[in-house]
C-alpha cells in the first residue's frame, strides 16, 4: 500500500497570475454587457475615474455616472450592481463548484480542495470562500498577501472556508 504524496500547494504568484487571467476573461464578458446597457459613455467615465486626481473630480464623476444610469430606464443602479457584482460572483462560484477552479487556475492545473480531507469542497465552502475575499481584502489586502506567508499557501478566505489550492493530481 502506497501513501498519497503530500499536496503541492499553489503559491502567491501563480494564484496572482490566475486571478489576472480570470479578471481579463470577466472583463471580456462585463465590458460588452456594460456598453450594451449604458452606452460608450460609461466606458469613458471609467477611464476618467482612473485618472481622477481630486475629490472634486470624483464627485463630478459620481454625478455623471448617475446620469448614465438613468439611461437604463430608472434601473441603472440595480443593473450596474448586477453586472459589476452579481455576474462576476456567480461566474466564479459556478466555476468553483463545477470544476474546483476558475479558468485562470485551470491554466496551472490548480484546484480548490477541502483543507482537511483533500476532497471536493462543498458548495457552502465555495460560497464562503468567495465572501471571505471581502474580509481578506479589507485590511490593505493582507489576507490575500497571507498566501505568500502561510506554509499551506492559504489566504484568509481559504482559512475561513477550510480550503486550500493545490496542483491537480494526475
C-alpha atoms as a PDB file:
ATOM      1  CA  UNK A   1       0.000   0.000   0.000  1.00  0.00           C
ATOM      2  CA  UNK A   2       1.481   3.353  -1.057  1.00  0.00           C
ATOM      3  CA  UNK A   3       0.840   6.641   0.622  1.00  0.00           C
ATOM      4  CA  UNK A   4      -0.551   9.596  -1.279  1.00  0.00           C
ATOM      5  CA  UNK A   5       2.161  12.164  -1.923  1.00  0.00           C
ATOM      6  CA  UNK A   6       1.969  15.413   0.009  1.00  0.00           C
ATOM      7  CA  UNK A   7      -0.152  18.010  -1.748  1.00  0.00           C
ATOM      8  CA  UNK A   8       1.662  20.592  -3.830  1.00  0.00           C
ATOM      9  CA  UNK A   9       0.243  23.915  -2.650  1.00  0.00           C
ATOM     10  CA  UNK A  10      -0.098  26.690  -5.207  1.00  0.00           C
ATOM     11  CA  UNK A  11       1.615  29.873  -4.072  1.00  0.00           C
ATOM     12  CA  UNK A  12       1.021  33.581  -4.259  1.00  0.00           C
ATOM     13  CA  UNK A  13       2.471  34.380  -7.685  1.00  0.00           C
ATOM     14  CA  UNK A  14       0.744  31.607  -9.636  1.00  0.00           C
ATOM     15  CA  UNK A  15      -2.520  32.480  -7.932  1.00  0.00           C
ATOM     16  CA  UNK A  16      -1.972  36.147  -8.798  1.00  0.00           C
ATOM     17  CA  UNK A  17      -1.441  35.329 -12.477  1.00  0.00           C
ATOM     18  CA  UNK A  18      -4.512  33.065 -12.382  1.00  0.00           C
ATOM     19  CA  UNK A  19      -6.545  35.931 -10.899  1.00  0.00           C
ATOM     20  CA  UNK A  20      -5.330  38.262 -13.658  1.00  0.00           C
ATOM     21  CA  UNK A  21      -6.395  35.735 -16.309  1.00  0.00           C
ATOM     22  CA  UNK A  22      -9.808  35.430 -14.653  1.00  0.00           C
ATOM     23  CA  UNK A  23     -10.138  39.209 -14.434  1.00  0.00           C
ATOM     24  CA  UNK A  24      -9.412  39.602 -18.144  1.00  0.00           C
ATOM     25  CA  UNK A  25     -11.939  36.907 -19.038  1.00  0.00           C
ATOM     26  CA  UNK A  26     -14.573  38.534 -16.829  1.00  0.00           C
ATOM     27  CA  UNK A  27     -13.808  41.884 -18.437  1.00  0.00           C
ATOM     28  CA  UNK A  28     -14.476  40.347 -21.863  1.00  0.00           C
ATOM     29  CA  UNK A  29     -17.968  39.495 -20.618  1.00  0.00           C
ATOM     30  CA  UNK A  30     -18.714  42.547 -18.497  1.00  0.00           C
ATOM     31  CA  UNK A  31     -17.466  45.196 -20.915  1.00  0.00           C
ATOM     32  CA  UNK A  32     -19.846  44.382 -23.796  1.00  0.00           C
ATOM     33  CA  UNK A  33     -22.772  44.000 -21.388  1.00  0.00           C
ATOM     34  CA  UNK A  34     -21.959  47.384 -19.850  1.00  0.00           C
ATOM     35  CA  UNK A  35     -21.642  49.064 -23.259  1.00  0.00           C
ATOM     36  CA  UNK A  36     -24.903  47.492 -24.448  1.00  0.00           C
ATOM     37  CA  UNK A  37     -26.711  48.593 -21.283  1.00  0.00           C
ATOM     38  CA  UNK A  38     -25.265  52.054 -20.660  1.00  0.00           C
ATOM     39  CA  UNK A  39     -23.512  53.027 -23.907  1.00  0.00           C
ATOM     40  CA  UNK A  40     -19.937  54.101 -24.583  1.00  0.00           C
ATOM     41  CA  UNK A  41     -20.194  56.998 -22.147  1.00  0.00           C
ATOM     42  CA  UNK A  42     -19.978  54.519 -19.270  1.00  0.00           C
ATOM     43  CA  UNK A  43     -16.595  53.292 -20.516  1.00  0.00           C
ATOM     44  CA  UNK A  44     -15.346  56.860 -20.893  1.00  0.00           C
ATOM     45  CA  UNK A  45     -16.397  57.524 -17.300  1.00  0.00           C
ATOM     46  CA  UNK A  46     -14.354  54.546 -16.074  1.00  0.00           C
ATOM     47  CA  UNK A  47     -11.324  55.973 -17.865  1.00  0.00           C
ATOM     48  CA  UNK A  48     -11.941  59.361 -16.259  1.00  0.00           C
ATOM     49  CA  UNK A  49     -12.345  57.689 -12.871  1.00  0.00           C
ATOM     50  CA  UNK A  50      -8.938  56.045 -13.159  1.00  0.00           C
ATOM     51  CA  UNK A  51      -7.379  59.409 -13.996  1.00  0.00           C
ATOM     52  CA  UNK A  52      -9.138  61.424 -11.275  1.00  0.00           C
ATOM     53  CA  UNK A  53      -6.741  63.317  -9.036  1.00  0.00           C
ATOM     54  CA  UNK A  54      -9.045  65.106  -6.617  1.00  0.00           C
ATOM     55  CA  UNK A  55     -12.125  64.576  -4.511  1.00  0.00           C
ATOM     56  CA  UNK A  56     -13.900  67.231  -6.587  1.00  0.00           C
ATOM     57  CA  UNK A  57     -13.277  65.234  -9.772  1.00  0.00           C
ATOM     58  CA  UNK A  58     -14.600  62.086  -8.115  1.00  0.00           C
ATOM     59  CA  UNK A  59     -17.754  63.928  -7.017  1.00  0.00           C
ATOM     60  CA  UNK A  60     -18.314  65.198 -10.574  1.00  0.00           C
ATOM     61  CA  UNK A  61     -17.817  61.697 -11.958  1.00  0.00           C
ATOM     62  CA  UNK A  62     -20.310  60.326  -9.444  1.00  0.00           C
ATOM     63  CA  UNK A  63     -22.898  62.814 -10.693  1.00  0.00           C
ATOM     64  CA  UNK A  64     -22.068  61.955 -14.318  1.00  0.00           C
ATOM     65  CA  UNK A  65     -22.457  58.225 -13.565  1.00  0.00           C
ATOM     66  CA  UNK A  66     -25.886  58.870 -12.050  1.00  0.00           C
ATOM     67  CA  UNK A  67     -26.880  60.446 -15.376  1.00  0.00           C
ATOM     68  CA  UNK A  68     -25.606  57.408 -17.294  1.00  0.00           C
ATOM     69  CA  UNK A  69     -27.565  55.079 -15.005  1.00  0.00           C
ATOM     70  CA  UNK A  70     -30.775  56.930 -15.915  1.00  0.00           C
ATOM     71  CA  UNK A  71     -30.420  55.570 -19.461  1.00  0.00           C
ATOM     72  CA  UNK A  72     -31.375  52.113 -18.179  1.00  0.00           C
ATOM     73  CA  UNK A  73     -34.997  53.001 -17.561  1.00  0.00           C
ATOM     74  CA  UNK A  74     -34.534  54.072 -13.959  1.00  0.00           C
ATOM     75  CA  UNK A  75     -32.996  50.734 -13.008  1.00  0.00           C
ATOM     76  CA  UNK A  76     -29.410  51.733 -13.758  1.00  0.00           C
ATOM     77  CA  UNK A  77     -28.153  51.337 -10.209  1.00  0.00           C
ATOM     78  CA  UNK A  78     -29.663  47.878  -9.897  1.00  0.00           C
ATOM     79  CA  UNK A  79     -28.456  46.806 -13.325  1.00  0.00           C
ATOM     80  CA  UNK A  80     -24.970  48.155 -12.615  1.00  0.00           C
ATOM     81  CA  UNK A  81     -24.898  46.183  -9.348  1.00  0.00           C
ATOM     82  CA  UNK A  82     -25.958  43.008 -11.174  1.00  0.00           C
ATOM     83  CA  UNK A  83     -23.347  43.471 -13.912  1.00  0.00           C
ATOM     84  CA  UNK A  84     -20.497  44.568 -11.649  1.00  0.00           C
ATOM     85  CA  UNK A  85     -21.019  42.404  -8.561  1.00  0.00           C
ATOM     86  CA  UNK A  86     -23.528  39.591  -9.047  1.00  0.00           C
ATOM     87  CA  UNK A  87     -22.444  38.399 -12.510  1.00  0.00           C
ATOM     88  CA  UNK A  88     -18.750  38.002 -11.549  1.00  0.00           C
ATOM     89  CA  UNK A  89     -19.665  36.334  -8.239  1.00  0.00           C
ATOM     90  CA  UNK A  90     -21.928  33.832  -9.983  1.00  0.00           C
ATOM     91  CA  UNK A  91     -19.340  33.098 -12.665  1.00  0.00           C
ATOM     92  CA  UNK A  92     -16.584  32.443 -10.136  1.00  0.00           C
ATOM     93  CA  UNK A  93     -18.655  30.362  -7.711  1.00  0.00           C
ATOM     94  CA  UNK A  94     -20.236  28.306 -10.519  1.00  0.00           C
ATOM     95  CA  UNK A  95     -16.768  27.512 -11.906  1.00  0.00           C
ATOM     96  CA  UNK A  96     -15.523  26.621  -8.429  1.00  0.00           C
ATOM     97  CA  UNK A  97     -18.452  24.286  -7.797  1.00  0.00           C
ATOM     98  CA  UNK A  98     -18.410  22.707 -11.272  1.00  0.00           C
ATOM     99  CA  UNK A  99     -14.639  22.478 -11.855  1.00  0.00           C
ATOM    100  CA  UNK A 100     -12.979  23.285  -8.493  1.00  0.00           C
ATOM    101  CA  UNK A 101     -11.210  26.097 -10.322  1.00  0.00           C
ATOM    102  CA  UNK A 102     -11.670  29.147 -12.476  1.00  0.00           C
ATOM    103  CA  UNK A 103     -10.114  29.212 -15.964  1.00  0.00           C
ATOM    104  CA  UNK A 104      -7.051  31.007 -14.574  1.00  0.00           C
ATOM    105  CA  UNK A 105      -6.428  28.250 -12.035  1.00  0.00           C
ATOM    106  CA  UNK A 106      -7.062  25.615 -14.725  1.00  0.00           C
ATOM    107  CA  UNK A 107      -4.154  27.037 -16.754  1.00  0.00           C
ATOM    108  CA  UNK A 108      -1.867  25.968 -13.891  1.00  0.00           C
ATOM    109  CA  UNK A 109      -3.685  22.678 -13.155  1.00  0.00           C
ATOM    110  CA  UNK A 110      -4.686  24.117  -9.785  1.00  0.00           C
ATOM    111  CA  UNK A 111      -7.824  23.074  -7.932  1.00  0.00           C
ATOM    112  CA  UNK A 112      -9.541  24.079  -4.727  1.00  0.00           C
ATOM    113  CA  UNK A 113      -9.902  21.232  -2.226  1.00  0.00           C
ATOM    114  CA  UNK A 114     -11.116  20.795   1.321  1.00  0.00           C
ATOM    115  CA  UNK A 115      -8.177  21.593   3.613  1.00  0.00           C
ATOM    116  CA  UNK A 116      -8.805  18.589   5.867  1.00  0.00           C
ATOM    117  CA  UNK A 117      -9.859  15.787   3.527  1.00  0.00           C
ATOM    118  CA  UNK A 118      -8.381  16.897   0.204  1.00  0.00           C
ATOM    119  CA  UNK A 119     -11.762  16.166  -1.351  1.00  0.00           C
ATOM    120  CA  UNK A 120     -14.082  18.425  -3.353  1.00  0.00           C
ATOM    121  CA  UNK A 121     -15.289  21.265  -1.111  1.00  0.00           C
ATOM    122  CA  UNK A 122     -19.000  21.736  -0.534  1.00  0.00           C
ATOM    123  CA  UNK A 123     -20.967  24.452  -2.286  1.00  0.00           C
ATOM    124  CA  UNK A 124     -21.259  26.162   1.067  1.00  0.00           C
ATOM    125  CA  UNK A 125     -17.464  26.222   1.405  1.00  0.00           C
ATOM    126  CA  UNK A 126     -17.133  27.703  -2.079  1.00  0.00           C
ATOM    127  CA  UNK A 127     -19.636  30.470  -1.335  1.00  0.00           C
ATOM    128  CA  UNK A 128     -17.934  31.131   1.999  1.00  0.00           C
ATOM    129  CA  UNK A 129     -14.596  31.275   0.216  1.00  0.00           C
ATOM    130  CA  UNK A 130     -15.899  33.926  -2.181  1.00  0.00           C
ATOM    131  CA  UNK A 131     -17.342  36.013   0.651  1.00  0.00           C
ATOM    132  CA  UNK A 132     -14.078  35.542   2.522  1.00  0.00           C
ATOM    133  CA  UNK A 133     -12.306  37.536  -0.193  1.00  0.00           C
ATOM    134  CA  UNK A 134     -14.009  40.690   1.074  1.00  0.00           C
ATOM    135  CA  UNK A 135     -12.631  40.084   4.560  1.00  0.00           C
ATOM    136  CA  UNK A 136      -9.207  39.187   3.156  1.00  0.00           C
ATOM    137  CA  UNK A 137      -9.064  42.361   1.054  1.00  0.00           C
ATOM    138  CA  UNK A 138     -10.296  44.769   3.715  1.00  0.00           C
ATOM    139  CA  UNK A 139      -7.105  45.350   5.729  1.00  0.00           C
ATOM    140  CA  UNK A 140      -4.975  46.541   2.768  1.00  0.00           C
ATOM    141  CA  UNK A 141      -5.113  43.127   1.093  1.00  0.00           C
ATOM    142  CA  UNK A 142      -3.248  41.481   3.964  1.00  0.00           C
ATOM    143  CA  UNK A 143      -5.488  38.406   3.840  1.00  0.00           C
ATOM    144  CA  UNK A 144      -4.529  37.843   0.197  1.00  0.00           C
ATOM    145  CA  UNK A 145      -0.835  38.550   0.769  1.00  0.00           C
ATOM    146  CA  UNK A 146      -1.010  35.942   3.554  1.00  0.00           C
ATOM    147  CA  UNK A 147      -0.855  33.275   0.826  1.00  0.00           C
ATOM    148  CA  UNK A 148       2.838  34.116   0.450  1.00  0.00           C
ATOM    149  CA  UNK A 149       3.498  33.696   4.178  1.00  0.00           C
ATOM    150  CA  UNK A 150       1.464  30.613   5.042  1.00  0.00           C
ATOM    151  CA  UNK A 151       3.055  27.137   4.942  1.00  0.00           C
ATOM    152  CA  UNK A 152      -0.046  25.731   3.190  1.00  0.00           C
ATOM    153  CA  UNK A 153      -0.347  28.843   0.987  1.00  0.00           C
ATOM    154  CA  UNK A 154      -3.767  29.677   2.429  1.00  0.00           C
ATOM    155  CA  UNK A 155      -5.191  33.161   2.269  1.00  0.00           C
ATOM    156  CA  UNK A 156      -7.679  34.243   4.898  1.00  0.00           C
ATOM    157  CA  UNK A 157     -10.518  33.366   2.510  1.00  0.00           C
ATOM    158  CA  UNK A 158      -9.126  29.816   2.324  1.00  0.00           C
ATOM    159  CA  UNK A 159      -8.773  29.565   6.092  1.00  0.00           C
ATOM    160  CA  UNK A 160     -12.325  30.839   6.646  1.00  0.00           C
ATOM    161  CA  UNK A 161     -13.742  28.340   4.142  1.00  0.00           C
ATOM    162  CA  UNK A 162     -11.490  25.428   5.127  1.00  0.00           C
ATOM    163  CA  UNK A 163      -9.938  25.133   1.652  1.00  0.00           C
ATOM    164  CA  UNK A 164      -6.502  25.005   0.045  1.00  0.00           C
ATOM    165  CA  UNK A 165      -5.377  25.409  -3.565  1.00  0.00           C
ATOM    166  CA  UNK A 166      -3.227  22.540  -4.826  1.00  0.00           C
ATOM    167  CA  UNK A 167      -1.865  21.167  -8.082  1.00  0.00           C
ATOM    168  CA  UNK A 168      -4.241  18.621  -9.523  1.00  0.00           C
ATOM    169  CA  UNK A 169      -3.032  15.054  -9.096  1.00  0.00           C
ATOM    170  CA  UNK A 170      -2.532  13.183 -12.330  1.00  0.00           C
END
